[in-house]
Amino acid sequence: MTTDVHWPAIAFRLLLTIIAGAALGAERSKSGHPAGLRTTLLVTLAASIAMIQMNLLIQTNGKPSNSYAVMDLMRLPLGILTGVGFIGAGAIVRKGEMVLGITTAATMWFATVVGLCLGGGQLVLGSTATVIGYLVLWALRFAEQRLETYQRGALTVVSEGNHVSAQSLSRLLRSERIHIKSASARYEETEHRNRFQFEIRWHREDPADMPDVIERLRQLPGIILCDWSGTGKPMKE
């Protein structure tokens, strides 16, 4: 980081910052995320301007001989990072067991670091980081889609009589290549029926797909309720 910064250098740093923020933000906007082009660009510019300001004030860093106050310029970029943490926290939404917005929050934090690099004069590092970040957001999305994906779900089966048991239901689920993470069974004496609950995991092609075995369960004799719900975030393995 150079301590002597002139306006041509400042303009070049801001130009690179705009290009970097626009590239990262455009990718998020294209994917339909709330923190898109404008948000990412403003965060990147804020970090860059903070570092440029620190460069301009570098000569005043330290403790003047006629004052008890100490000028700590590093608090400026650190404060920017802390503030972006609140923006990232606002981008993360939890719906039940599903957590959304983690990648958006990480993009905000990454864009801040890129802005700090470009504003501080590390132009090669900031530009390289922008390219890497864009590849992570754009190219790896297609690679991630090719990974074998699993979905979690909760299954509740209620039956009357002795037509089905926990063992028979477990065998049927496993025959369909569904992994059982946990299982429980309870006899409801007042209504004379059995309630079975399973936490399952299965391979899925589409997040909206329901396991085929659910329809088979509903057709079993004695079944009066078969309730299924997908929960949690899809897992990559």
Protein backbone atom coordinates (compact mmCIF):
# COMPACT_ATOMS: atom_id res chain seq x y z
CA MET A 1 0.00 0.00 0.00
CA THR A 2 1.50 3.33 -1.04
CA THR A 3 1.16 6.25 1.33
CA ASP A 4 1.22 8.92 -1.42
CA VAL A 5 -2.02 8.71 -3.42
CA HIS A 6 -2.97 11.10 -6.21
CA TRP A 7 -6.34 11.60 -7.89
CA PRO A 8 -5.50 9.62 -11.08
CA ALA A 9 -4.69 6.61 -8.88
CA ILE A 10 -7.87 7.16 -6.85
CA ALA A 11 -9.97 7.32 -10.02
CA PHE A 12 -8.38 4.09 -11.32
CA ARG A 13 -9.05 2.30 -8.04
CA LEU A 14 -12.69 3.42 -8.06
CA LEU A 15 -13.06 2.30 -11.69
CA LEU A 16 -11.74 -1.17 -10.87
CA THR A 17 -14.02 -1.25 -7.82
CA ILE A 18 -17.08 -0.44 -9.96
CA ILE A 19 -16.13 -3.17 -12.44
CA ALA A 20 -15.60 -5.70 -9.66
CA GLY A 21 -18.79 -4.81 -7.78
CA ALA A 22 -20.83 -4.79 -10.99
CA ALA A 23 -19.52 -8.21 -12.03
CA LEU A 24 -20.31 -9.82 -8.69
CA GLY A 25 -23.64 -8.01 -8.29
CA ALA A 26 -24.84 -8.73 -11.82
CA GLU A 27 -24.37 -12.45 -11.23
CA ARG A 28 -26.51 -12.29 -8.09
CA SER A 29 -29.19 -10.18 -9.80
CA LYS A 30 -29.37 -12.62 -12.70
CA SER A 31 -30.04 -15.40 -10.19
CA GLY A 32 -32.91 -13.43 -8.65
CA HIS A 33 -31.31 -12.74 -5.26
CA PRO A 34 -32.39 -9.64 -3.29
CA ALA A 35 -28.84 -8.39 -2.71
CA GLY A 36 -28.08 -7.88 -6.37
CA LEU A 37 -26.29 -5.36 -8.55
CA ARG A 38 -26.94 -2.14 -6.63
CA THR A 39 -26.42 -3.60 -3.16
CA THR A 40 -23.20 -5.41 -4.05
CA LEU A 41 -21.85 -2.40 -5.92
CA LEU A 42 -22.58 -0.03 -3.02
CA VAL A 43 -20.95 -2.39 -0.50
CA THR A 44 -17.85 -2.75 -2.68
CA LEU A 45 -17.60 1.00 -3.23
CA ALA A 46 -18.05 1.73 0.48
CA ALA A 47 -15.17 -0.58 1.35
CA SER A 48 -12.97 0.88 -1.39
CA ILE A 49 -13.67 4.49 -0.39
CA ALA A 50 -12.92 3.64 3.23
CA MET A 51 -9.49 2.33 2.25
CA ILE A 52 -8.81 5.31 -0.01
CA GLN A 53 -9.71 7.61 2.86
CA MET A 54 -7.35 5.67 5.10
CA ASN A 55 -4.61 6.18 2.50
CA LEU A 56 -5.26 9.91 2.47
CA LEU A 57 -5.15 10.08 6.27
CA ILE A 58 -2.12 7.83 6.69
CA GLN A 59 0.12 10.77 7.48
CA THR A 60 -1.99 11.53 10.56
CA ASN A 61 -1.76 8.01 11.93
CA GLY A 62 -0.38 7.61 15.44
CA LYS A 63 -0.26 9.91 18.45
CA PRO A 64 0.55 13.60 17.92
CA SER A 65 3.05 15.07 20.36
CA ASN A 66 0.54 17.67 21.58
CA SER A 67 -2.41 15.32 22.09
CA TYR A 68 -3.45 12.31 24.15
CA ALA A 69 -5.64 11.00 21.32
CA VAL A 70 -4.34 8.17 19.13
CA MET A 71 -5.37 7.98 15.47
CA ASP A 72 -5.87 4.31 14.59
CA LEU A 73 -6.75 4.21 10.90
CA MET A 74 -7.19 0.44 10.79
CA ARG A 75 -10.44 0.84 12.71
CA LEU A 76 -12.02 2.30 9.57
CA PRO A 77 -11.86 -0.85 7.35
CA LEU A 78 -12.56 -3.05 10.37
CA GLY A 79 -15.69 -1.02 11.06
CA ILE A 80 -16.74 -1.50 7.43
CA LEU A 81 -16.40 -5.28 7.76
CA THR A 82 -18.43 -5.22 10.97
CA GLY A 83 -21.17 -3.15 9.36
CA VAL A 84 -21.41 -5.51 6.40
CA GLY A 85 -21.93 -8.31 8.90
CA PHE A 86 -25.28 -6.73 9.81
CA ILE A 87 -26.25 -6.56 6.13
CA GLY A 88 -25.31 -10.21 5.71
CA ALA A 89 -27.33 -11.17 8.78
CA GLY A 90 -30.36 -9.40 7.31
CA ALA A 91 -29.97 -11.37 4.07
CA ILE A 92 -30.16 -14.73 5.86
CA VAL A 93 -33.71 -16.01 6.29
CA ARG A 94 -34.78 -19.11 8.17
CA LYS A 95 -38.06 -20.82 7.30
CA GLY A 96 -38.55 -23.71 9.67
CA GLU A 97 -35.49 -25.88 9.16
CA MET A 98 -34.64 -24.27 5.82
CA VAL A 99 -31.93 -21.57 5.79
CA LEU A 100 -31.77 -19.20 2.81
CA GLY A 101 -29.45 -16.36 1.87
CA ILE A 102 -26.13 -17.73 3.17
CA THR A 103 -24.45 -17.39 -0.23
CA THR A 104 -25.80 -13.84 -0.58
CA ALA A 105 -24.38 -12.91 2.83
CA ALA A 106 -21.03 -14.48 1.92
CA THR A 107 -21.03 -12.51 -1.35
CA MET A 108 -21.53 -9.25 0.57
CA TRP A 109 -18.61 -10.08 2.84
CA PHE A 110 -16.43 -11.13 -0.12
CA ALA A 111 -17.31 -7.96 -2.06
CA THR A 112 -16.27 -5.91 0.97
CA VAL A 113 -12.86 -7.55 1.06
CA VAL A 114 -12.45 -6.96 -2.68
CA GLY A 115 -13.30 -3.29 -2.17
CA LEU A 116 -10.77 -3.03 0.66
CA CYS A 117 -8.08 -4.51 -1.58
CA LEU A 118 -8.81 -2.21 -4.52
CA GLY A 119 -9.23 0.87 -2.37
CA GLY A 120 -5.98 0.10 -0.55
CA GLY A 121 -4.01 -0.14 -3.77
CA GLN A 122 -3.67 -3.94 -4.03
CA LEU A 123 -5.03 -3.82 -7.57
CA VAL A 124 -3.70 -7.18 -8.76
CA LEU A 125 -4.95 -8.95 -5.64
CA GLY A 126 -8.37 -7.29 -5.81
CA SER A 127 -8.78 -7.98 -9.54
CA THR A 128 -7.70 -11.59 -9.14
CA ALA A 129 -10.10 -12.02 -6.24
CA THR A 130 -12.93 -10.61 -8.37
CA VAL A 131 -12.30 -13.14 -11.13
CA ILE A 132 -12.10 -16.01 -8.63
CA GLY A 133 -15.25 -14.86 -6.85
CA TYR A 134 -17.18 -14.58 -10.10
CA LEU A 135 -16.10 -18.08 -11.14
CA VAL A 136 -17.18 -19.45 -7.76
CA LEU A 137 -20.63 -17.83 -8.07
CA TRP A 138 -21.22 -18.54 -11.74
CA ALA A 139 -19.25 -21.56 -12.89
CA LEU A 140 -19.57 -23.65 -9.74
CA ARG A 141 -23.36 -23.34 -9.86
CA PHE A 142 -23.36 -25.65 -12.89
CA ALA A 143 -20.88 -28.00 -11.25
CA GLU A 144 -23.02 -28.08 -8.09
CA GLN A 145 -26.05 -29.13 -10.13
CA ARG A 146 -24.15 -32.22 -11.30
CA LEU A 147 -23.38 -33.38 -7.79
CA GLU A 148 -25.51 -36.14 -6.36
CA THR A 149 -28.11 -34.32 -4.32
CA TYR A 150 -30.08 -35.58 -1.36
CA GLN A 151 -33.18 -34.16 0.25
CA ARG A 152 -34.35 -34.60 3.82
CA GLY A 153 -37.94 -35.17 4.81
CA ALA A 154 -40.29 -36.10 7.62
CA LEU A 155 -42.77 -38.95 7.16
CA THR A 156 -45.71 -39.73 9.42
CA VAL A 157 -47.79 -42.88 8.92
CA VAL A 158 -50.93 -43.63 10.94
CA SER A 159 -52.54 -47.08 10.70
CA GLU A 160 -55.30 -49.01 12.36
CA GLY A 161 -55.14 -52.67 13.25
CA ASN A 162 -52.03 -54.79 12.80
CA HIS A 163 -51.69 -54.48 9.02
CA VAL A 164 -48.33 -52.69 9.16
CA SER A 165 -45.47 -52.44 11.64
CA ALA A 166 -42.41 -50.29 12.06
CA GLN A 167 -40.28 -53.11 10.65
CA SER A 168 -42.39 -53.56 7.52
CA LEU A 169 -42.45 -49.83 6.85
CA SER A 170 -38.68 -49.62 7.32
CA ARG A 171 -38.12 -52.49 4.89
CA LEU A 172 -40.34 -50.82 2.30
CA LEU A 173 -38.52 -47.50 2.62
CA ARG A 174 -35.10 -49.15 2.35
CA SER A 175 -36.21 -51.13 -0.69
CA GLU A 176 -36.78 -47.77 -2.39
CA ARG A 177 -33.23 -46.65 -1.50
CA ILE A 178 -34.47 -44.25 1.16
CA HIS A 179 -32.17 -43.82 4.12
CA ILE A 180 -33.85 -43.72 7.54
CA LYS A 181 -32.08 -41.32 9.89
CA SER A 182 -34.43 -41.89 12.83
CA ALA A 183 -37.72 -43.68 13.53
CA SER A 184 -40.32 -43.75 16.28
CA ALA A 185 -43.57 -45.62 16.90
CA ARG A 186 -46.42 -44.85 19.27
CA TYR A 187 -49.69 -46.63 19.98
CA GLU A 188 -52.59 -44.23 20.52
CA GLU A 189 -54.81 -46.19 22.85
CA THR A 190 -57.81 -43.86 22.83
CA GLU A 191 -58.18 -44.12 19.05
CA HIS A 192 -56.74 -47.65 18.73
CA ARG A 193 -54.23 -46.79 16.09
CA ASN A 194 -50.46 -46.76 15.55
CA ARG A 195 -48.45 -43.69 14.65
CA PHE A 196 -45.04 -44.13 12.97
CA GLN A 197 -42.68 -41.24 12.38
CA PHE A 198 -39.54 -41.34 10.23
CA GLU A 199 -36.84 -38.83 9.42
CA ILE A 200 -35.67 -39.82 5.97
CA ARG A 201 -33.19 -38.86 3.28
CA TRP A 202 -33.38 -39.72 -0.40
CA HIS A 203 -31.79 -38.88 -3.72
CA ARG A 204 -33.87 -36.45 -5.76
CA GLU A 205 -33.64 -34.97 -9.26
CA ASP A 206 -35.96 -32.04 -8.58
CA PRO A 207 -36.50 -30.27 -5.21
CA ALA A 208 -40.26 -30.44 -5.77
CA ASP A 209 -40.26 -34.20 -6.34
CA MET A 210 -41.97 -36.41 -3.79
CA PRO A 211 -40.57 -39.92 -3.22
CA ASP A 212 -42.52 -42.53 -5.21
CA VAL A 213 -42.80 -44.71 -2.14
CA ILE A 214 -45.24 -42.24 -0.55
CA GLU A 215 -48.02 -43.28 -2.92
CA ARG A 216 -47.28 -46.94 -2.24
CA LEU A 217 -47.56 -46.32 1.49
CA ARG A 218 -50.94 -44.62 1.07
CA GLN A 219 -52.32 -47.69 -0.71
CA LEU A 220 -51.35 -50.16 2.01
CA PRO A 221 -54.25 -51.76 3.91
CA GLY A 222 -55.04 -50.12 7.23
CA ILE A 223 -53.34 -46.82 6.42
CA ILE A 224 -55.53 -43.87 7.43
CA LEU A 225 -52.88 -41.13 7.20
CA CYS A 226 -49.62 -40.74 5.31
CA ASP A 227 -48.16 -37.28 5.77
CA TRP A 228 -44.89 -36.25 4.12
CA SER A 229 -43.01 -32.96 4.12
CA GLY A 230 -39.61 -32.00 2.78
CA THR A 231 -37.47 -30.25 5.36
CA GLY A 232 -34.07 -28.64 5.56
CA LYS A 233 -31.68 -27.57 2.83
CA PRO A 234 -30.71 -30.05 0.07
CA MET A 235 -27.40 -31.73 0.87
CA LYS A 236 -24.52 -32.40 -1.51
CA GLU A 237 -22.58 -35.59 -1.05
